[in-house]
C-alpha atoms as a PDB file:
ATOM      1  CA  LEU A   1      -1.603   2.536 -13.675  1.00  0.00           C
ATOM      2  CA  VAL A   2      -1.713   5.996 -12.117  1.00  0.00           C
ATOM      3  CA  THR A   3      -4.770   8.164 -11.559  1.00  0.00           C
ATOM      4  CA  ASP A   4      -5.070  11.457 -13.357  1.00  0.00           C
ATOM      5  CA  GLU A   5      -6.739  12.917 -10.288  1.00  0.00           C
ATOM      6  CA  ILE A   6      -4.941  13.985  -7.116  1.00  0.00           C
ATOM      7  CA  PHE A   7      -6.341  12.849  -3.768  1.00  0.00           C
ATOM      8  CA  GLY A   8      -5.874  14.162  -0.229  1.00  0.00           C
ATOM      9  CA  ASP A   9      -8.104  12.525   2.361  1.00  0.00           C
ATOM     10  CA  PHE A  10      -9.753   9.503   0.750  1.00  0.00           C
ATOM     11  CA  GLU A  11     -11.258   6.074   1.284  1.00  0.00           C
ATOM     12  CA  LEU A  12     -10.419   3.423  -1.298  1.00  0.00           C
ATOM     13  CA  LYS A  13     -12.335   0.132  -1.189  1.00  0.00           C
ATOM     14  CA  PHE A  14     -11.315  -2.767  -3.410  1.00  0.00           C
ATOM     15  CA  ASP A  15     -11.219  -6.536  -3.778  1.00  0.00           C
ATOM     16  CA  TRP A  16      -7.981  -8.247  -4.731  1.00  0.00           C
ATOM     17  CA  LYS A  17      -6.473 -11.671  -5.202  1.00  0.00           C
ATOM     18  CA  VAL A  18      -3.117 -12.935  -6.305  1.00  0.00           C
ATOM     19  CA  ALA A  19      -1.923 -15.861  -8.365  1.00  0.00           C
ATOM     20  CA  ARG A  20       0.923 -18.029  -7.156  1.00  0.00           C
ATOM     21  CA  GLY A  21       4.189 -16.073  -6.953  1.00  0.00           C
ATOM     22  CA  SER A  22       2.730 -12.672  -7.821  1.00  0.00           C
ATOM     23  CA  ASN A  23       3.627  -9.265  -6.380  1.00  0.00           C
ATOM     24  CA  SER A  24       1.570  -6.088  -6.752  1.00  0.00           C
ATOM     25  CA  GLY A  25       0.364  -3.193  -4.640  1.00  0.00           C
ATOM     26  CA  ILE A  26      -1.510   0.068  -4.379  1.00  0.00           C
ATOM     27  CA  ILE A  27       0.639   3.148  -3.876  1.00  0.00           C
ATOM     28  CA  PHE A  28      -0.828   6.469  -2.776  1.00  0.00           C
ATOM     29  CA  LEU A  29       0.352  10.079  -2.313  1.00  0.00           C
ATOM     30  CA  VAL A  30       2.327   9.573  -5.525  1.00  0.00           C
ATOM     31  CA  GLN A  31       4.161  12.624  -6.873  1.00  0.00           C
ATOM     32  CA  GLU A  32       4.920  12.343 -10.580  1.00  0.00           C
ATOM     33  CA  SER A  33       7.919  14.358 -11.751  1.00  0.00           C
ATOM     34  CA  ASP A  34      11.257  13.962 -13.501  1.00  0.00           C
ATOM     35  CA  GLU A  35      12.907  13.866 -10.077  1.00  0.00           C
ATOM     36  CA  ASN A  36      10.731  10.983  -8.841  1.00  0.00           C
ATOM     37  CA  GLN A  37      11.291   8.164 -11.312  1.00  0.00           C
ATOM     38  CA  ALA A  38       9.062   5.529  -9.686  1.00  0.00           C
ATOM     39  CA  THR A  39       5.746   5.710  -7.850  1.00  0.00           C
ATOM     40  CA  TRP A  40       7.264   4.071  -4.770  1.00  0.00           C
ATOM     41  CA  HIS A  41       9.840   6.862  -4.454  1.00  0.00           C
ATOM     42  CA  THR A  42       7.112   9.138  -3.073  1.00  0.00           C
ATOM     43  CA  GLY A  43       4.150   7.001  -2.062  1.00  0.00           C
ATOM     44  CA  PRO A  44       3.498   4.444   0.671  1.00  0.00           C
ATOM     45  CA  GLU A  45       2.171   1.075  -0.490  1.00  0.00           C
ATOM     46  CA  PHE A  46      -0.611  -1.312   0.454  1.00  0.00           C
ATOM     47  CA  GLN A  47       1.185  -4.577  -0.328  1.00  0.00           C
ATOM     48  CA  VAL A  48      -0.554  -7.170  -2.524  1.00  0.00           C
ATOM     49  CA  ILE A  49       1.567 -10.311  -2.751  1.00  0.00           C
ATOM     50  CA  ASP A  50       1.422 -14.096  -2.567  1.00  0.00           C
ATOM     51  CA  ASN A  51       2.512 -14.640   1.045  1.00  0.00           C
ATOM     52  CA  THR A  52       3.183 -18.365   0.632  1.00  0.00           C
ATOM     53  CA  GLY A  53       4.325 -18.776  -2.970  1.00  0.00           C
ATOM     54  CA  TYR A  54       6.453 -15.729  -3.635  1.00  0.00           C
ATOM     55  CA  PRO A  55       9.932 -16.958  -4.601  1.00  0.00           C
ATOM     56  CA  ASP A  56      11.831 -14.723  -2.141  1.00  0.00           C
ATOM     57  CA  LYS A  57      11.538 -15.055   1.630  1.00  0.00           C
ATOM     58  CA  LEU A  58       9.221 -12.307   2.855  1.00  0.00           C
ATOM     59  CA  GLN A  59       9.699 -10.352   6.051  1.00  0.00           C
ATOM     60  CA  PRO A  60       6.589  -9.573   8.176  1.00  0.00           C
ATOM     61  CA  LYS A  61       6.451  -5.975   6.853  1.00  0.00           C
ATOM     62  CA  GLN A  62       6.457  -7.279   3.265  1.00  0.00           C
ATOM     63  CA  MET A  63       3.394  -9.513   3.583  1.00  0.00           C
ATOM     64  CA  ALA A  64       0.041  -8.853   1.907  1.00  0.00           C
ATOM     65  CA  GLY A  65      -2.046  -6.148   3.554  1.00  0.00           C
ATOM     66  CA  SER A  66       1.029  -4.499   5.070  1.00  0.00           C
ATOM     67  CA  LEU A  67       2.115  -0.904   4.782  1.00  0.00           C
ATOM     68  CA  TYR A  68       5.080  -2.108   2.766  1.00  0.00           C
ATOM     69  CA  ASP A  69       8.372  -2.181   4.695  1.00  0.00           C
ATOM     70  CA  LEU A  70       6.847  -0.061   7.472  1.00  0.00           C
ATOM     71  CA  ILE A  71       4.051  -1.907   9.346  1.00  0.00           C
ATOM     72  CA  GLY A  72       3.119  -5.566   8.941  1.00  0.00           C
ATOM     73  CA  CYS A  73      -0.352  -7.014   8.522  1.00  0.00           C
ATOM     74  CA  PRO A  74      -1.087 -10.175  10.537  1.00  0.00           C
ATOM     75  CA  VAL A  75      -0.868 -13.035   8.022  1.00  0.00           C
ATOM     76  CA  GLU A  76      -4.082 -14.613   9.308  1.00  0.00           C
ATOM     77  CA  TYR A  77      -6.077 -11.584   8.060  1.00  0.00           C
ATOM     78  CA  VAL A  78      -5.325 -12.503   4.426  1.00  0.00           C
ATOM     79  CA  LYS A  79      -7.130 -15.273   2.549  1.00  0.00           C
ATOM     80  CA  PRO A  80      -5.147 -18.004   0.773  1.00  0.00           C
ATOM     81  CA  THR A  81      -3.631 -17.439  -2.662  1.00  0.00           C
ATOM     82  CA  GLY A  82      -6.287 -17.323  -5.376  1.00  0.00           C
ATOM     83  CA  GLU A  83      -9.134 -16.220  -3.067  1.00  0.00           C
ATOM     84  CA  TRP A  84     -10.669 -12.749  -3.079  1.00  0.00           C
ATOM     85  CA  ASN A  85      -9.829 -10.347  -0.250  1.00  0.00           C
ATOM     86  CA  THR A  86     -11.746  -7.150   0.510  1.00  0.00           C
ATOM     87  CA  SER A  87      -9.697  -4.183   1.687  1.00  0.00           C
ATOM     88  CA  VAL A  88      -9.928  -0.483   2.498  1.00  0.00           C
ATOM     89  CA  ILE A  89      -7.240   2.169   2.529  1.00  0.00           C
ATOM     90  CA  LYS A  90      -8.437   5.195   4.480  1.00  0.00           C
ATOM     91  CA  LEU A  91      -6.436   8.378   4.912  1.00  0.00           C
ATOM     92  CA  GLU A  92      -8.086  11.147   6.914  1.00  0.00           C
ATOM     93  CA  LYS A  93      -6.348  14.090   8.574  1.00  0.00           C
ATOM     94  CA  GLY A  94      -3.058  12.202   8.690  1.00  0.00           C
ATOM     95  CA  LYS A  95      -4.562   9.008  10.149  1.00  0.00           C
ATOM     96  CA  LEU A  96      -3.955   5.986   7.938  1.00  0.00           C
ATOM     97  CA  ASP A  97      -5.852   2.712   8.270  1.00  0.00           C
ATOM     98  CA  PHE A  98      -5.741  -0.483   6.242  1.00  0.00           C
ATOM     99  CA  ILE A  99      -8.714  -2.798   6.694  1.00  0.00           C
ATOM    100  CA  VAL A 100      -8.246  -6.360   5.418  1.00  0.00           C
ATOM    101  CA  ASN A 101     -11.286  -8.622   5.315  1.00  0.00           C
ATOM    102  CA  GLY A 102     -13.021  -6.575   8.003  1.00  0.00           C
ATOM    103  CA  LYS A 103     -10.038  -6.406  10.377  1.00  0.00           C
ATOM    104  CA  ASN A 104      -7.909  -3.342  11.124  1.00  0.00           C
ATOM    105  CA  ALA A 105      -4.558  -4.525   9.794  1.00  0.00           C
ATOM    106  CA  VAL A 106      -2.620  -1.249   9.940  1.00  0.00           C
ATOM    107  CA  GLY A 107      -3.274   1.930  11.882  1.00  0.00           C
ATOM    108  CA  THR A 108      -0.806   4.789  12.073  1.00  0.00           C
ATOM    109  CA  SER A 109      -0.455   8.539  11.763  1.00  0.00           C
ATOM    110  CA  LEU A 110       1.576  10.214   9.058  1.00  0.00           C
ATOM    111  CA  TRP A 111       3.721  13.334   9.154  1.00  0.00           C
ATOM    112  CA  ASN A 112       4.684  13.313  12.830  1.00  0.00           C
ATOM    113  CA  ALA A 113       7.881  12.345  14.677  1.00  0.00           C
ATOM    114  CA  ASP A 114       6.841   8.678  15.006  1.00  0.00           C
ATOM    115  CA  TRP A 115       6.178   8.498  11.265  1.00  0.00           C
ATOM    116  CA  GLU A 116       9.527  10.099  10.442  1.00  0.00           C
ATOM    117  CA  SER A 117      11.269   7.549  12.674  1.00  0.00           C
ATOM    118  CA  LEU A 118       9.388   4.675  11.048  1.00  0.00           C
ATOM    119  CA  VAL A 119      10.366   5.854   7.567  1.00  0.00           C
ATOM    120  CA  ALA A 120      13.982   6.463   8.602  1.00  0.00           C
ATOM    121  CA  GLY A 121      14.259   2.818   9.725  1.00  0.00           C
ATOM    122  CA  SER A 122      12.942   1.474   6.419  1.00  0.00           C
ATOM    123  CA  LYS A 123      14.262   1.120   2.880  1.00  0.00           C
ATOM    124  CA  PHE A 124      12.667   4.525   2.191  1.00  0.00           C
ATOM    125  CA  GLY A 125      14.840   6.415   4.687  1.00  0.00           C
ATOM    126  CA  ASP A 126      17.166   7.770   1.983  1.00  0.00           C
ATOM    127  CA  LEU A 127      14.346   8.931  -0.304  1.00  0.00           C
ATOM    128  CA  LYS A 128      13.989  12.657   0.379  1.00  0.00           C
ATOM    129  CA  ASN A 129      10.485  12.873  -1.152  1.00  0.00           C
ATOM    130  CA  PHE A 130       8.936   9.735   0.346  1.00  0.00           C
ATOM    131  CA  ALA A 131       5.470  10.416   1.835  1.00  0.00           C
ATOM    132  CA  LYS A 132       6.155  14.109   2.362  1.00  0.00           C
ATOM    133  CA  LYS A 133       3.062  15.501   0.625  1.00  0.00           C
ATOM    134  CA  THR A 134      -0.497  15.381   1.968  1.00  0.00           C
ATOM    135  CA  THR A 135      -1.975  14.893  -1.508  1.00  0.00           C
ATOM    136  CA  GLY A 136      -1.019  12.816  -4.504  1.00  0.00           C
ATOM    137  CA  LYS A 137      -2.059  10.329  -7.130  1.00  0.00           C
ATOM    138  CA  ILE A 138      -2.926   6.676  -6.588  1.00  0.00           C
ATOM    139  CA  ALA A 139      -1.184   3.908  -8.526  1.00  0.00           C
ATOM    140  CA  ILE A 140      -1.540   0.183  -8.985  1.00  0.00           C
ATOM    141  CA  GLN A 141       1.786  -1.490  -9.600  1.00  0.00           C
ATOM    142  CA  ASP A 142       2.542  -5.018 -10.711  1.00  0.00           C
ATOM    143  CA  HIS A 143       5.786  -6.968 -10.692  1.00  0.00           C
ATOM    144  CA  GLY A 144       4.258  -9.838 -12.640  1.00  0.00           C
ATOM    145  CA  GLY A 145       2.625 -13.115 -11.766  1.00  0.00           C
ATOM    146  CA  GLY A 146      -1.039 -12.170 -11.857  1.00  0.00           C
ATOM    147  CA  ALA A 147      -2.840  -9.878  -9.460  1.00  0.00           C
ATOM    148  CA  SER A 148      -6.531  -9.147  -9.975  1.00  0.00           C
ATOM    149  CA  TYR A 149      -8.611  -6.232  -8.716  1.00  0.00           C
ATOM    150  CA  ARG A 150     -12.365  -5.631  -8.800  1.00  0.00           C
ATOM    151  CA  ASN A 151     -15.039  -3.461  -7.179  1.00  0.00           C
ATOM    152  CA  ILE A 152     -12.647  -0.507  -6.925  1.00  0.00           C
ATOM    153  CA  LYS A 153     -14.406   2.471  -5.342  1.00  0.00           C
ATOM    154  CA  ILE A 154     -12.849   5.679  -4.128  1.00  0.00           C
ATOM    155  CA  LYS A 155     -14.338   8.685  -2.403  1.00  0.00           C
ATOM    156  CA  LYS A 156     -12.814  11.886  -1.196  1.00  0.00           C
ATOM    157  CA  ILE A 157     -13.343  12.582   2.482  1.00  0.00           C
END
């Protein structure tokens, strides 16, 4: 699912839960074009995944609530598989925060030298269009297994 609307600074609040073994996420700053074949080629991701039952071994930066493959969320911030979590993705003037169940799980700044270094050291380092734009669409992806979302609210800042 990808929004029709383009967002710059925004605050997205949502509840989510995962079934055993599932993998999903919310990707933002998405640039749709023939050149960018997948949402994750251009947009950072709030990871939604079953931390304990996913079949592959997860690294800390791949756990639920993380800025996928860039900054990990402490595992204790996330409720057990099958329980609802409440989260916020807030992007304002280049400052990105992920709030997971009332705790600041991720805080970073985009589009500066530290950000470029962080991206270069990740799986996204070779993607020339990854997180380059200050506006984009928002997508919910799913790799199967059963992720649920509710109470989705977004506002432009």
